[in-house]
């Protein structure tokens, strides 16, 4: 059951990150923010934050 909960939580986090990136992309001149958000996402994945 814990594995199922962990999977569900991971999917929710990925969906939220995708929504955030999509919202940033919609901003005028949002490319720098996209790059920064992606950098932070990769950093968090590597360091398990």
Protein backbone atom coordinates (compact mmCIF):
# COMPACT_ATOMS: atom_id res chain seq x y z
CA UNK A 1 0.00 0.00 0.00
CA UNK A 2 2.87 2.36 0.81
CA UNK A 3 4.34 1.78 -2.65
CA UNK A 4 1.00 2.74 -4.19
CA UNK A 5 0.86 5.92 -2.11
CA UNK A 6 4.44 6.79 -3.06
CA UNK A 7 3.65 6.24 -6.73
CA UNK A 8 0.55 8.43 -6.48
CA UNK A 9 2.53 11.19 -4.75
CA UNK A 10 5.29 11.03 -7.37
CA UNK A 11 2.73 11.29 -10.17
CA UNK A 12 1.12 14.32 -8.50
CA UNK A 13 4.51 16.02 -8.17
CA UNK A 14 5.32 15.37 -11.83
CA UNK A 15 1.93 16.75 -12.87
CA UNK A 16 2.48 19.87 -10.76
CA UNK A 17 5.94 20.38 -12.27
CA UNK A 18 4.53 19.97 -15.76
CA UNK A 19 1.79 22.53 -15.01
CA UNK A 20 4.42 24.94 -13.66
CA UNK A 21 6.61 24.58 -16.75
CA UNK A 22 3.60 25.03 -19.03
CA UNK A 23 2.58 28.18 -17.14
CA UNK A 24 6.10 29.59 -17.37
CA UNK A 25 6.19 28.88 -21.10
CA UNK A 26 3.01 30.92 -21.52
CA UNK A 27 4.63 34.01 -20.01
CA UNK A 28 6.14 36.56 -22.36
CA UNK A 29 9.90 36.11 -22.23
CA UNK A 30 9.45 33.06 -20.04
CA UNK A 31 12.40 31.17 -21.51
CA UNK A 32 14.86 32.16 -18.77
CA UNK A 33 12.35 31.09 -16.14
CA UNK A 34 11.87 27.76 -17.93
CA UNK A 35 15.61 27.12 -17.98
CA UNK A 36 15.87 28.02 -14.28
CA UNK A 37 12.89 25.84 -13.35
CA UNK A 38 14.35 22.92 -15.28
CA UNK A 39 17.73 23.40 -13.60
CA UNK A 40 16.07 23.40 -10.18
CA UNK A 41 14.01 20.32 -11.07
CA UNK A 42 17.12 18.40 -12.10
CA UNK A 43 18.98 19.55 -8.98
CA UNK A 44 16.10 18.36 -6.76
CA UNK A 45 15.99 15.01 -8.54
CA UNK A 46 19.75 14.47 -8.12
CA UNK A 47 19.76 15.53 -4.46
CA UNK A 48 16.37 13.98 -3.60
CA UNK A 49 14.92 17.25 -2.27
